Amino acid sequence: MSENSVFRFAGATGVGSMPGGDAREAVKTVTGSFEDFPYLPELPARGPGA
């Protein structure tokens, strides 16, 4: 395997739903738990189109 084909770093993201409907609280939870790779959580309790 050549040196050019070795992965030196990788990115990550979070995918998934969180309970509740308070967007600010969900983002606080995500940024407090995953400081290195925050993501925007899905909140299905807010309803369609939220």
PDB file of N, CA and C in Angstrom:
ATOM      1  N   MET A   1       0.841  -1.167   0.000  1.00  0.00           N
ATOM      2  CA  MET A   1       0.000   0.000   0.000  1.00  0.00           C
ATOM      3  C   MET A   1       0.894   1.240   0.000  1.00  0.00           C
ATOM      4  N   SER A   2       0.660   2.141  -0.921  1.00  0.00           N
ATOM      5  CA  SER A   2       1.493   3.328  -1.012  1.00  0.00           C
ATOM      6  C   SER A   2       1.115   4.339   0.069  1.00  0.00           C
ATOM      7  N   GLU A   3       2.038   5.232   0.340  1.00  0.00           N
ATOM      8  CA  GLU A   3       1.802   6.247   1.376  1.00  0.00           C
ATOM      9  C   GLU A   3       0.644   7.172   1.002  1.00  0.00           C
ATOM     10  N   ASN A   4       0.412   7.394  -0.273  1.00  0.00           N
ATOM     11  CA  ASN A   4      -0.669   8.270  -0.720  1.00  0.00           C
ATOM     12  C   ASN A   4      -2.054   7.686  -0.474  1.00  0.00           C
ATOM     13  N   SER A   5      -2.147   6.391  -0.319  1.00  0.00           N
ATOM     14  CA  SER A   5      -3.456   5.771  -0.146  1.00  0.00           C
ATOM     15  C   SER A   5      -3.841   5.580   1.327  1.00  0.00           C
ATOM     16  N   VAL A   6      -2.988   6.005   2.240  1.00  0.00           N
ATOM     17  CA  VAL A   6      -3.268   5.858   3.671  1.00  0.00           C
ATOM     18  C   VAL A   6      -4.118   7.040   4.137  1.00  0.00           C
ATOM     19  N   PHE A   7      -5.189   6.727   4.861  1.00  0.00           N
ATOM     20  CA  PHE A   7      -6.019   7.790   5.422  1.00  0.00           C
ATOM     21  C   PHE A   7      -5.299   8.404   6.618  1.00  0.00           C
ATOM     22  N   ARG A   8      -5.137   9.693   6.600  1.00  0.00           N
ATOM     23  CA  ARG A   8      -4.451  10.375   7.696  1.00  0.00           C
ATOM     24  C   ARG A   8      -5.443  10.890   8.736  1.00  0.00           C
ATOM     25  N   PHE A   9      -6.646  11.186   8.329  1.00  0.00           N
ATOM     26  CA  PHE A   9      -7.685  11.641   9.243  1.00  0.00           C
ATOM     27  C   PHE A   9      -9.031  11.372   8.609  1.00  0.00           C
ATOM     28  N   ALA A  10     -10.058  11.403   9.398  1.00  0.00           N
ATOM     29  CA  ALA A  10     -11.404  11.157   8.889  1.00  0.00           C
ATOM     30  C   ALA A  10     -12.383  12.080   9.596  1.00  0.00           C
ATOM     31  N   GLY A  11     -13.480  12.363   8.954  1.00  0.00           N
ATOM     32  CA  GLY A  11     -14.528  13.172   9.559  1.00  0.00           C
ATOM     33  C   GLY A  11     -15.650  12.292  10.069  1.00  0.00           C
ATOM     34  N   ALA A  12     -16.419  12.833  10.961  1.00  0.00           N
ATOM     35  CA  ALA A  12     -17.550  12.086  11.511  1.00  0.00           C
ATOM     36  C   ALA A  12     -18.725  13.033  11.699  1.00  0.00           C
ATOM     37  N   THR A  13     -19.892  12.476  11.750  1.00  0.00           N
ATOM     38  CA  THR A  13     -21.092  13.267  11.987  1.00  0.00           C
ATOM     39  C   THR A  13     -22.083  12.420  12.760  1.00  0.00           C
ATOM     40  N   GLY A  14     -23.060  13.071  13.331  1.00  0.00           N
ATOM     41  CA  GLY A  14     -24.109  12.354  14.036  1.00  0.00           C
ATOM     42  C   GLY A  14     -25.366  12.327  13.197  1.00  0.00           C
ATOM     43  N   VAL A  15     -26.041  11.230  13.209  1.00  0.00           N
ATOM     44  CA  VAL A  15     -27.288  11.089  12.474  1.00  0.00           C
ATOM     45  C   VAL A  15     -28.285  10.423  13.400  1.00  0.00           C
ATOM     46  N   GLY A  16     -29.473  10.983  13.468  1.00  0.00           N
ATOM     47  CA  GLY A  16     -30.489  10.338  14.282  1.00  0.00           C
ATOM     48  C   GLY A  16     -31.426  11.324  14.936  1.00  0.00           C
ATOM     49  N   SER A  17     -32.473  10.784  15.477  1.00  0.00           N
ATOM     50  CA  SER A  17     -33.507  11.586  16.111  1.00  0.00           C
ATOM     51  C   SER A  17     -33.249  11.693  17.607  1.00  0.00           C
ATOM     52  N   MET A  18     -33.718  12.795  18.173  1.00  0.00           N
ATOM     53  CA  MET A  18     -33.663  12.984  19.618  1.00  0.00           C
ATOM     54  C   MET A  18     -35.079  13.190  20.130  1.00  0.00           C
ATOM     55  N   PRO A  19     -35.357  12.781  21.356  1.00  0.00           N
ATOM     56  CA  PRO A  19     -36.695  12.990  21.915  1.00  0.00           C
ATOM     57  C   PRO A  19     -36.911  14.459  22.262  1.00  0.00           C
ATOM     58  N   GLY A  20     -38.156  14.848  22.336  1.00  0.00           N
ATOM     59  CA  GLY A  20     -38.487  16.217  22.718  1.00  0.00           C
ATOM     60  C   GLY A  20     -38.709  17.112  21.520  1.00  0.00           C
ATOM     61  N   GLY A  21     -39.039  18.360  21.806  1.00  0.00           N
ATOM     62  CA  GLY A  21     -39.314  19.298  20.734  1.00  0.00           C
ATOM     63  C   GLY A  21     -38.600  20.625  20.884  1.00  0.00           C
ATOM     64  N   ASP A  22     -37.735  20.760  21.878  1.00  0.00           N
ATOM     65  CA  ASP A  22     -37.018  22.008  22.118  1.00  0.00           C
ATOM     66  C   ASP A  22     -35.682  21.982  21.375  1.00  0.00           C
ATOM     67  N   ALA A  23     -35.600  22.756  20.292  1.00  0.00           N
ATOM     68  CA  ALA A  23     -34.402  22.749  19.449  1.00  0.00           C
ATOM     69  C   ALA A  23     -33.181  23.267  20.199  1.00  0.00           C
ATOM     70  N   ARG A  24     -33.336  24.318  20.973  1.00  0.00           N
ATOM     71  CA  ARG A  24     -32.190  24.872  21.715  1.00  0.00           C
ATOM     72  C   ARG A  24     -31.628  23.857  22.712  1.00  0.00           C
ATOM     73  N   GLU A  25     -32.502  23.183  23.419  1.00  0.00           N
ATOM     74  CA  GLU A  25     -32.055  22.187  24.395  1.00  0.00           C
ATOM     75  C   GLU A  25     -31.357  21.015  23.701  1.00  0.00           C
ATOM     76  N   ALA A  26     -31.871  20.606  22.555  1.00  0.00           N
ATOM     77  CA  ALA A  26     -31.247  19.512  21.806  1.00  0.00           C
ATOM     78  C   ALA A  26     -29.844  19.894  21.341  1.00  0.00           C
ATOM     79  N   VAL A  27     -29.681  21.122  20.854  1.00  0.00           N
ATOM     80  CA  VAL A  27     -28.361  21.570  20.394  1.00  0.00           C
ATOM     81  C   VAL A  27     -27.398  21.695  21.572  1.00  0.00           C
ATOM     82  N   LYS A  28     -27.873  22.160  22.712  1.00  0.00           N
ATOM     83  CA  LYS A  28     -27.018  22.216  23.906  1.00  0.00           C
ATOM     84  C   LYS A  28     -26.542  20.822  24.295  1.00  0.00           C
ATOM     85  N   THR A  29     -27.430  19.854  24.209  1.00  0.00           N
ATOM     86  CA  THR A  29     -27.075  18.473  24.539  1.00  0.00           C
ATOM     87  C   THR A  29     -26.019  17.938  23.576  1.00  0.00           C
ATOM     88  N   VAL A  30     -26.212  18.174  22.294  1.00  0.00           N
ATOM     89  CA  VAL A  30     -25.273  17.680  21.279  1.00  0.00           C
ATOM     90  C   VAL A  30     -23.906  18.342  21.432  1.00  0.00           C
ATOM     91  N   THR A  31     -23.867  19.660  21.585  1.00  0.00           N
ATOM     92  CA  THR A  31     -22.574  20.339  21.692  1.00  0.00           C
ATOM     93  C   THR A  31     -21.875  20.022  23.007  1.00  0.00           C
ATOM     94  N   GLY A  32     -22.643  19.702  24.045  1.00  0.00           N
ATOM     95  CA  GLY A  32     -22.035  19.309  25.311  1.00  0.00           C
ATOM     96  C   GLY A  32     -21.488  17.896  25.281  1.00  0.00           C
ATOM     97  N   SER A  33     -22.111  17.039  24.495  1.00  0.00           N
ATOM     98  CA  SER A  33     -21.693  15.635  24.431  1.00  0.00           C
ATOM     99  C   SER A  33     -20.633  15.376  23.366  1.00  0.00           C
ATOM    100  N   PHE A  34     -20.713  16.080  22.256  1.00  0.00           N
ATOM    101  CA  PHE A  34     -19.828  15.848  21.110  1.00  0.00           C
ATOM    102  C   PHE A  34     -19.178  17.159  20.690  1.00  0.00           C
ATOM    103  N   GLU A  35     -18.261  17.667  21.500  1.00  0.00           N
ATOM    104  CA  GLU A  35     -17.643  18.963  21.231  1.00  0.00           C
ATOM    105  C   GLU A  35     -16.843  18.988  19.939  1.00  0.00           C
ATOM    106  N   ASP A  36     -16.255  17.860  19.564  1.00  0.00           N
ATOM    107  CA  ASP A  36     -15.386  17.830  18.391  1.00  0.00           C
ATOM    108  C   ASP A  36     -16.139  17.739  17.073  1.00  0.00           C
ATOM    109  N   PHE A  37     -17.367  17.250  17.087  1.00  0.00           N
ATOM    110  CA  PHE A  37     -18.138  17.168  15.845  1.00  0.00           C
ATOM    111  C   PHE A  37     -19.626  17.383  16.112  1.00  0.00           C
ATOM    112  N   PRO A  38     -20.005  18.626  16.444  1.00  0.00           N
ATOM    113  CA  PRO A  38     -21.429  18.897  16.674  1.00  0.00           C
ATOM    114  C   PRO A  38     -22.239  18.723  15.391  1.00  0.00           C
ATOM    115  N   TYR A  39     -23.499  18.398  15.553  1.00  0.00           N
ATOM    116  CA  TYR A  39     -24.391  18.223  14.414  1.00  0.00           C
ATOM    117  C   TYR A  39     -25.771  18.744  14.783  1.00  0.00           C
ATOM    118  N   LEU A  40     -26.608  18.900  13.812  1.00  0.00           N
ATOM    119  CA  LEU A  40     -27.970  19.372  14.020  1.00  0.00           C
ATOM    120  C   LEU A  40     -28.877  18.167  14.212  1.00  0.00           C
ATOM    121  N   PRO A  41     -29.437  17.993  15.403  1.00  0.00           N
ATOM    122  CA  PRO A  41     -30.279  16.822  15.655  1.00  0.00           C
ATOM    123  C   PRO A  41     -31.663  16.958  15.026  1.00  0.00           C
ATOM    124  N   GLU A  42     -32.242  15.835  14.695  1.00  0.00           N
ATOM    125  CA  GLU A  42     -33.608  15.786  14.166  1.00  0.00           C
ATOM    126  C   GLU A  42     -34.565  15.667  15.353  1.00  0.00           C
ATOM    127  N   LEU A  43     -35.650  16.456  15.332  1.00  0.00           N
ATOM    128  CA  LEU A  43     -36.640  16.443  16.412  1.00  0.00           C
ATOM    129  C   LEU A  43     -38.016  16.128  15.839  1.00  0.00           C
ATOM    130  N   PRO A  44     -38.351  14.853  15.676  1.00  0.00           N
ATOM    131  CA  PRO A  44     -39.624  14.484  15.058  1.00  0.00           C
ATOM    132  C   PRO A  44     -40.845  14.935  15.858  1.00  0.00           C
ATOM    133  N   ALA A  45     -40.695  15.171  17.161  1.00  0.00           N
ATOM    134  CA  ALA A  45     -41.826  15.613  17.977  1.00  0.00           C
ATOM    135  C   ALA A  45     -42.292  17.019  17.607  1.00  0.00           C
ATOM    136  N   ARG A  46     -41.477  17.769  16.871  1.00  0.00           N
ATOM    137  CA  ARG A  46     -41.871  19.117  16.452  1.00  0.00           C
ATOM    138  C   ARG A  46     -42.863  19.082  15.301  1.00  0.00           C
ATOM    139  N   GLY A  47     -43.000  17.949  14.668  1.00  0.00           N
ATOM    140  CA  GLY A  47     -43.973  17.804  13.593  1.00  0.00           C
ATOM    141  C   GLY A  47     -43.345  17.909  12.223  1.00  0.00           C
ATOM    142  N   PRO A  48     -44.160  17.659  11.176  1.00  0.00           N
ATOM    143  CA  PRO A  48     -43.648  17.707   9.802  1.00  0.00           C
ATOM    144  C   PRO A  48     -43.202  19.118   9.416  1.00  0.00           C
ATOM    145  N   GLY A  49     -42.105  19.186   8.720  1.00  0.00           N
ATOM    146  CA  GLY A  49     -41.612  20.469   8.219  1.00  0.00           C
ATOM    147  C   GLY A  49     -40.895  21.307   9.252  1.00  0.00           C
ATOM    148  N   ALA A  50     -40.669  20.759  10.426  1.00  0.00           N
ATOM    149  CA  ALA A  50     -40.018  21.559  11.477  1.00  0.00           C
ATOM    150  C   ALA A  50     -38.528  21.616  11.278  1.00  0.00           C
TER     151      ALA A  50
END
